[in-house]
Protein backbone atom coordinates (compact mmCIF):
# COMPACT_ATOMS: atom_id res chain seq x y z
CA MET A 1 -42.02 24.84 125.92
CA GLY A 2 -39.60 25.88 128.67
CA GLU A 3 -40.25 28.68 131.16
CA LYS A 4 -38.37 31.24 129.06
CA GLU A 5 -40.44 30.37 125.99
CA ALA A 6 -43.62 30.49 128.10
CA VAL A 7 -42.79 34.04 129.22
CA LEU A 8 -42.07 35.15 125.66
CA LYS A 9 -45.30 33.60 124.39
CA SER A 10 -47.47 35.28 127.04
CA ASP A 11 -48.44 38.96 126.70
CA VAL A 12 -49.37 39.07 130.40
CA PRO A 13 -49.11 36.56 133.26
CA ILE A 14 -51.89 33.98 133.20
CA THR A 15 -53.58 33.99 136.60
CA LYS A 16 -56.16 31.88 138.39
CA ASP A 17 -58.80 34.54 137.67
CA SER A 18 -57.97 34.67 133.95
CA LEU A 19 -58.03 30.86 133.83
CA LYS A 20 -61.48 30.83 135.44
CA LYS A 21 -62.71 33.29 132.81
CA ASP A 22 -61.30 31.13 130.01
CA PHE A 23 -62.77 27.93 131.46
CA LYS A 24 -66.21 29.52 131.85
CA GLU A 25 -66.14 30.75 128.24
CA LEU A 26 -65.34 27.17 127.25
CA GLY A 27 -68.54 26.01 128.96
CA MET A 28 -67.31 24.83 132.35
CA ARG A 29 -69.83 25.45 135.12
CA GLU A 30 -70.83 24.43 138.61
CA GLY A 31 -71.80 20.78 139.09
CA LEU A 32 -70.25 19.25 135.97
CA THR A 33 -68.17 16.08 136.07
CA VAL A 34 -65.02 16.65 134.00
CA ILE A 35 -62.09 14.39 133.13
CA VAL A 36 -59.04 16.57 132.47
CA HIS A 37 -56.13 15.90 130.10
CA SER A 38 -53.58 18.68 130.22
CA SER A 39 -50.23 20.21 129.36
CA LEU A 40 -49.15 23.06 131.61
CA GLN A 41 -46.38 24.12 129.24
CA SER A 42 -48.85 24.69 126.41
CA MET A 43 -50.72 27.35 128.38
CA GLY A 44 -48.00 30.01 128.55
CA TRP A 45 -46.62 31.45 131.80
CA VAL A 46 -49.09 30.59 134.55
CA CYS A 47 -48.73 32.43 137.86
CA GLY A 48 -48.88 29.60 140.38
CA GLY A 49 -48.39 26.87 137.79
CA ALA A 50 -50.29 23.61 138.24
CA VAL A 51 -51.82 24.75 141.54
CA ALA A 52 -53.50 27.73 139.86
CA VAL A 53 -54.94 25.51 137.12
CA ILE A 54 -56.32 22.98 139.61
CA GLN A 55 -57.82 25.62 141.86
CA ALA A 56 -59.42 27.43 138.94
CA ILE A 57 -61.19 24.26 137.79
CA GLU A 58 -62.29 23.24 141.30
CA GLU A 59 -63.61 26.70 142.14
CA ILE A 60 -65.78 26.73 139.04
CA LEU A 61 -67.12 23.19 139.45
CA THR A 62 -67.46 23.52 143.25
CA GLU A 63 -67.84 20.45 145.45
CA GLU A 64 -71.11 19.73 143.64
CA GLY A 65 -69.00 18.91 140.60
CA THR A 66 -66.24 16.36 140.10
CA VAL A 67 -62.72 16.64 138.70
CA VAL A 68 -61.09 13.44 137.42
CA MET A 69 -57.59 12.98 136.02
CA PRO A 70 -55.86 9.84 134.72
CA ALA A 71 -53.05 9.08 137.18
CA HIS A 72 -51.44 6.25 135.26
CA SER A 73 -48.19 4.54 136.25
CA SER A 74 -47.58 2.42 133.17
CA ASP A 75 -44.20 1.21 134.40
CA TYR A 76 -46.11 -0.89 136.95
CA SER A 77 -46.80 -3.49 134.29
CA GLU A 78 -45.55 -6.69 132.71
CA PRO A 79 -41.94 -5.92 131.59
CA SER A 80 -42.06 -8.32 128.65
CA ASN A 81 -44.61 -5.97 127.08
CA TRP A 82 -42.43 -2.86 127.39
CA SER A 83 -41.34 -1.16 124.18
CA ASN A 84 -40.51 2.45 125.11
CA PRO A 85 -37.86 1.47 125.96
CA PRO A 86 -37.72 -2.34 126.01
CA VAL A 87 -35.54 -3.99 128.62
CA PRO A 88 -33.45 -7.18 128.25
CA GLU A 89 -35.28 -10.44 128.84
CA SER A 90 -32.78 -11.23 131.59
CA TRP A 91 -34.26 -8.29 133.54
CA TRP A 92 -37.88 -9.39 133.44
CA GLU A 93 -37.91 -11.72 136.43
CA ILE A 94 -35.77 -9.32 138.48
CA ILE A 95 -38.33 -6.58 137.85
CA ARG A 96 -41.25 -8.87 138.72
CA ASP A 97 -39.55 -9.90 141.97
CA ASN A 98 -38.37 -6.48 143.11
CA MET A 99 -40.60 -3.64 141.94
CA PRO A 100 -42.29 -2.12 145.03
CA ALA A 101 -46.01 -2.76 145.38
CA PHE A 102 -48.32 -0.08 144.02
CA ASP A 103 -49.26 2.46 146.70
CA PRO A 104 -51.94 5.01 145.70
CA SER A 105 -50.48 7.62 148.05
CA LEU A 106 -46.83 7.09 147.06
CA THR A 107 -46.49 5.66 143.54
CA PRO A 108 -45.91 8.55 141.12
CA THR A 109 -47.63 8.95 137.79
CA ARG A 110 -45.59 8.34 134.64
CA GLY A 111 -45.75 10.69 131.67
CA MET A 112 -48.98 12.33 132.80
CA GLY A 113 -47.69 15.86 133.41
CA ILE A 114 -47.20 18.14 136.39
CA ILE A 115 -50.89 19.07 136.72
CA VAL A 116 -51.88 15.46 137.34
CA GLU A 117 -48.91 14.76 139.61
CA THR A 118 -49.80 17.84 141.69
CA PHE A 119 -53.51 17.03 141.74
CA ARG A 120 -53.08 13.45 143.01
CA LYS A 121 -51.27 14.77 146.11
CA GLN A 122 -53.99 17.27 147.05
CA ASN A 123 -56.01 16.83 150.22
CA ASN A 124 -59.46 15.35 149.54
CA VAL A 125 -58.34 13.80 146.26
CA VAL A 126 -58.85 10.03 146.10
CA ARG A 127 -57.06 7.66 143.76
CA SER A 128 -58.25 4.32 142.47
CA GLU A 129 -56.12 1.29 143.29
CA HIS A 130 -55.26 0.00 139.84
CA PRO A 131 -51.45 -0.26 139.67
CA GLN A 132 -51.20 0.78 136.01
CA PHE A 133 -54.28 2.79 135.12
CA SER A 134 -55.45 4.53 138.26
CA PHE A 135 -57.56 7.70 138.24
CA ALA A 136 -57.53 10.53 140.76
CA ALA A 137 -60.73 12.41 141.59
CA TRP A 138 -62.06 15.29 143.70
CA GLY A 139 -65.61 16.40 144.41
CA LYS A 140 -69.10 14.96 144.65
CA ASN A 141 -68.61 11.74 142.66
CA ALA A 142 -64.95 11.14 143.50
CA GLU A 143 -65.52 8.04 145.63
CA TYR A 144 -67.97 6.54 143.15
CA VAL A 145 -65.62 7.04 140.20
CA THR A 146 -62.53 5.59 141.89
CA ASP A 147 -64.01 2.81 144.03
CA ASN A 148 -63.49 -0.88 143.22
CA HIS A 149 -61.22 -0.44 140.18
CA GLN A 150 -60.66 -4.05 139.12
CA LEU A 151 -57.32 -5.29 137.76
CA SER A 152 -58.71 -6.95 134.63
CA PHE A 153 -60.15 -4.79 131.85
CA SER A 154 -58.72 -1.68 133.45
CA LEU A 155 -60.30 0.90 131.14
CA GLY A 156 -63.50 -0.98 130.34
CA PRO A 157 -67.18 -0.52 131.22
CA ASP A 158 -66.69 -1.22 134.95
CA SER A 159 -63.67 1.06 135.26
CA PRO A 160 -63.64 4.75 136.24
CA LEU A 161 -64.05 5.54 132.54
CA GLY A 162 -67.21 3.44 132.45
CA LYS A 163 -68.54 5.26 135.50
CA LEU A 164 -67.84 8.62 133.85
CA TYR A 165 -69.76 7.36 130.82
CA LYS A 166 -72.76 6.65 133.07
CA LEU A 167 -72.42 10.11 134.65
CA LYS A 168 -72.40 11.76 131.19
CA ALA A 169 -69.14 13.48 132.03
CA TRP A 170 -67.30 16.04 129.95
CA ILE A 171 -63.75 15.70 128.62
CA LEU A 172 -61.40 18.69 128.85
CA LEU A 173 -58.46 18.60 126.42
CA LEU A 174 -56.24 21.39 127.69
CA GLY A 175 -53.34 21.96 125.31
CA VAL A 176 -53.33 18.32 124.19
CA GLY A 177 -54.89 16.41 121.31
CA TYR A 178 -57.08 13.36 120.94
CA SER A 179 -54.06 11.05 121.26
CA ARG A 180 -54.15 11.87 124.98
CA ASN A 181 -57.89 11.30 125.27
CA THR A 182 -58.05 8.26 127.54
CA SER A 183 -61.84 7.93 127.25
CA ILE A 184 -61.45 6.64 123.69
CA HIS A 185 -59.93 3.46 125.14
CA LEU A 186 -63.37 2.68 126.57
CA ALA A 187 -64.65 2.59 122.99
CA GLU A 188 -62.14 -0.14 122.18
CA TYR A 189 -63.80 -2.39 124.77
CA LEU A 190 -67.26 -1.58 123.40
CA SER A 191 -66.44 -2.15 119.72
CA ASP A 192 -65.57 -5.10 117.52
CA TYR A 193 -62.62 -5.00 115.10
CA PRO A 194 -60.49 -7.73 113.46
CA SER A 195 -57.33 -7.26 115.51
CA LYS A 196 -59.01 -7.08 118.91
CA GLU A 197 -57.28 -9.39 121.38
CA LEU A 198 -56.44 -9.87 125.02
CA ILE A 199 -52.98 -9.93 126.59
CA GLU A 200 -51.64 -11.02 129.96
CA GLN A 201 -50.59 -8.15 132.21
CA GLY A 202 -48.94 -8.13 135.60
CA ALA A 203 -48.14 -5.76 138.44
CA PRO A 204 -46.91 -5.72 142.05
CA VAL A 205 -49.72 -5.17 144.58
CA MET A 206 -50.38 -5.76 148.27
CA VAL A 207 -52.41 -8.90 149.04
CA ASN A 208 -53.32 -9.50 152.70
CA GLY A 209 -50.46 -7.27 153.78
CA LYS A 210 -47.88 -8.96 151.55
CA ARG A 211 -46.38 -7.79 148.26
CA GLU A 212 -47.24 -10.11 145.35
CA TRP A 213 -46.82 -10.01 141.58
CA ILE A 214 -50.33 -10.58 140.22
CA THR A 215 -51.20 -11.45 136.62
CA PHE A 216 -54.47 -10.58 134.91
CA LYS A 217 -56.08 -10.17 131.49
CA ASP A 218 -56.63 -6.91 129.67
CA LEU A 219 -57.33 -5.61 126.21
CA ASP A 220 -54.32 -5.02 123.99
CA PHE A 221 -55.31 -1.44 123.31
CA SER A 222 -53.69 1.27 121.19
CA SER A 223 -53.99 5.03 120.74
CA ASP A 224 -52.32 5.08 117.32
CA ASP A 225 -55.50 6.14 115.50
CA PHE A 226 -57.06 8.37 118.18
CA GLU A 227 -56.24 11.54 116.23
CA ASP A 228 -58.11 10.07 113.25
CA VAL A 229 -61.08 9.38 115.52
CA GLY A 230 -60.99 12.96 116.76
CA LYS A 231 -60.90 14.43 113.25
CA ALA A 232 -63.82 12.27 112.15
CA PHE A 233 -65.78 13.15 115.29
CA GLU A 234 -65.30 16.86 114.83
CA LYS A 235 -66.25 16.63 111.17
CA ARG A 236 -69.57 15.01 112.04
CA MET A 237 -70.20 16.42 115.52
CA SER A 238 -68.55 19.85 115.43
CA HIS A 239 -71.60 21.44 117.05
CA LEU A 240 -70.95 19.41 120.23
CA VAL A 241 -67.28 20.38 120.63
CA ARG A 242 -66.67 23.57 122.60
CA LYS A 243 -63.40 25.15 121.47
CA GLY A 244 -61.48 28.07 122.92
CA LYS A 245 -58.25 29.32 124.42
CA VAL A 246 -57.11 28.73 127.98
CA GLY A 247 -54.11 30.96 128.40
CA VAL A 248 -52.45 30.54 125.01
CA ALA A 249 -53.37 26.84 124.74
CA GLU A 250 -56.00 25.39 122.45
CA ALA A 251 -58.69 23.73 124.54
CA ARG A 252 -61.78 21.61 123.95
CA MET A 253 -64.74 20.48 126.05
CA ILE A 254 -66.34 17.32 124.65
CA PRO A 255 -69.28 15.21 125.92
CA GLN A 256 -67.67 11.89 126.82
CA LYS A 257 -70.59 9.54 126.14
CA VAL A 258 -71.21 10.89 122.64
CA LEU A 259 -67.52 10.64 121.74
CA VAL A 260 -67.20 7.09 123.12
CA ASP A 261 -70.28 5.94 121.19
CA PHE A 262 -68.94 7.53 118.01
CA ALA A 263 -65.46 6.03 118.48
CA SER A 264 -66.92 2.58 119.11
CA GLU A 265 -68.70 2.70 115.77
CA TRP A 266 -65.62 4.16 114.09
CA PHE A 267 -63.36 1.34 115.33
CA SER A 268 -65.80 -1.31 114.17
CA ASN A 269 -65.89 0.23 110.69
CA ASN A 270 -62.34 1.49 110.23
CA ARG A 271 -59.78 -0.22 112.43
CA LYS A 272 -57.91 -2.84 110.43
CA GLU A 273 -54.41 -2.85 111.87
CA HIS A 274 -53.25 -2.80 115.44
CA LYS A 275 -50.02 -1.66 117.02
CA ASN A 276 -49.19 -2.23 120.65
CA GLU A 277 -49.47 0.79 122.92
CA GLU A 278 -45.95 1.92 123.81
CA ASN A 279 -45.22 1.66 127.53
């Protein structure tokens, strides 16, 4: 949706105050820990854009709450695994030798949307140091969530997602579906299915003040069936999913731990085939 379409789709401008009203009706309140997945374009014409959305959420949660957003930079990864688009094999070593080291304050997100890219630059927002799958956070538990994000098993039990699981966080899907629900990747680590396997990843990072290309192991995860997981979850657990409108966008608030536990069981029982996650 472009800006012209957003204007036509909105009866009135969507403001920070109207966003706060919508978020509160969805169940957002002071002190919650919330991981946000969002599409600004889906919301209609927002006065103040991404800044208004971020401020609305933070003002409701207050500093006693915590806002978390995936700040992924998937291009900081092993080029031989790239598929969207792939690059020639003759490029691989050039990329490994020359891609700048990941810098939490400088490296942009990739494909995450303007709300995330704006949020990560905000004062008092901290970002974890994983070169591919970092998370940005603000509020009471921000340091806890983002600290010590290990290279291997980037979205597993010891990652920011695992810490959110322990905090019994909520997931906000704001104009996006379950295919964008990063927390479901945690369930892949916690489940057992026939095609589960590890791959070698790599990324440029700073080691003792020097840029190095580091390799590490991670799960070969996929979001191909996340929409199926979401449909099954809502069929069984509809009473736990808070649905509503934020602006003109469909939105959901979902308890993360319950969804991850459900998805883990679902993968063990239903996942038969596996397709690589597109970079």
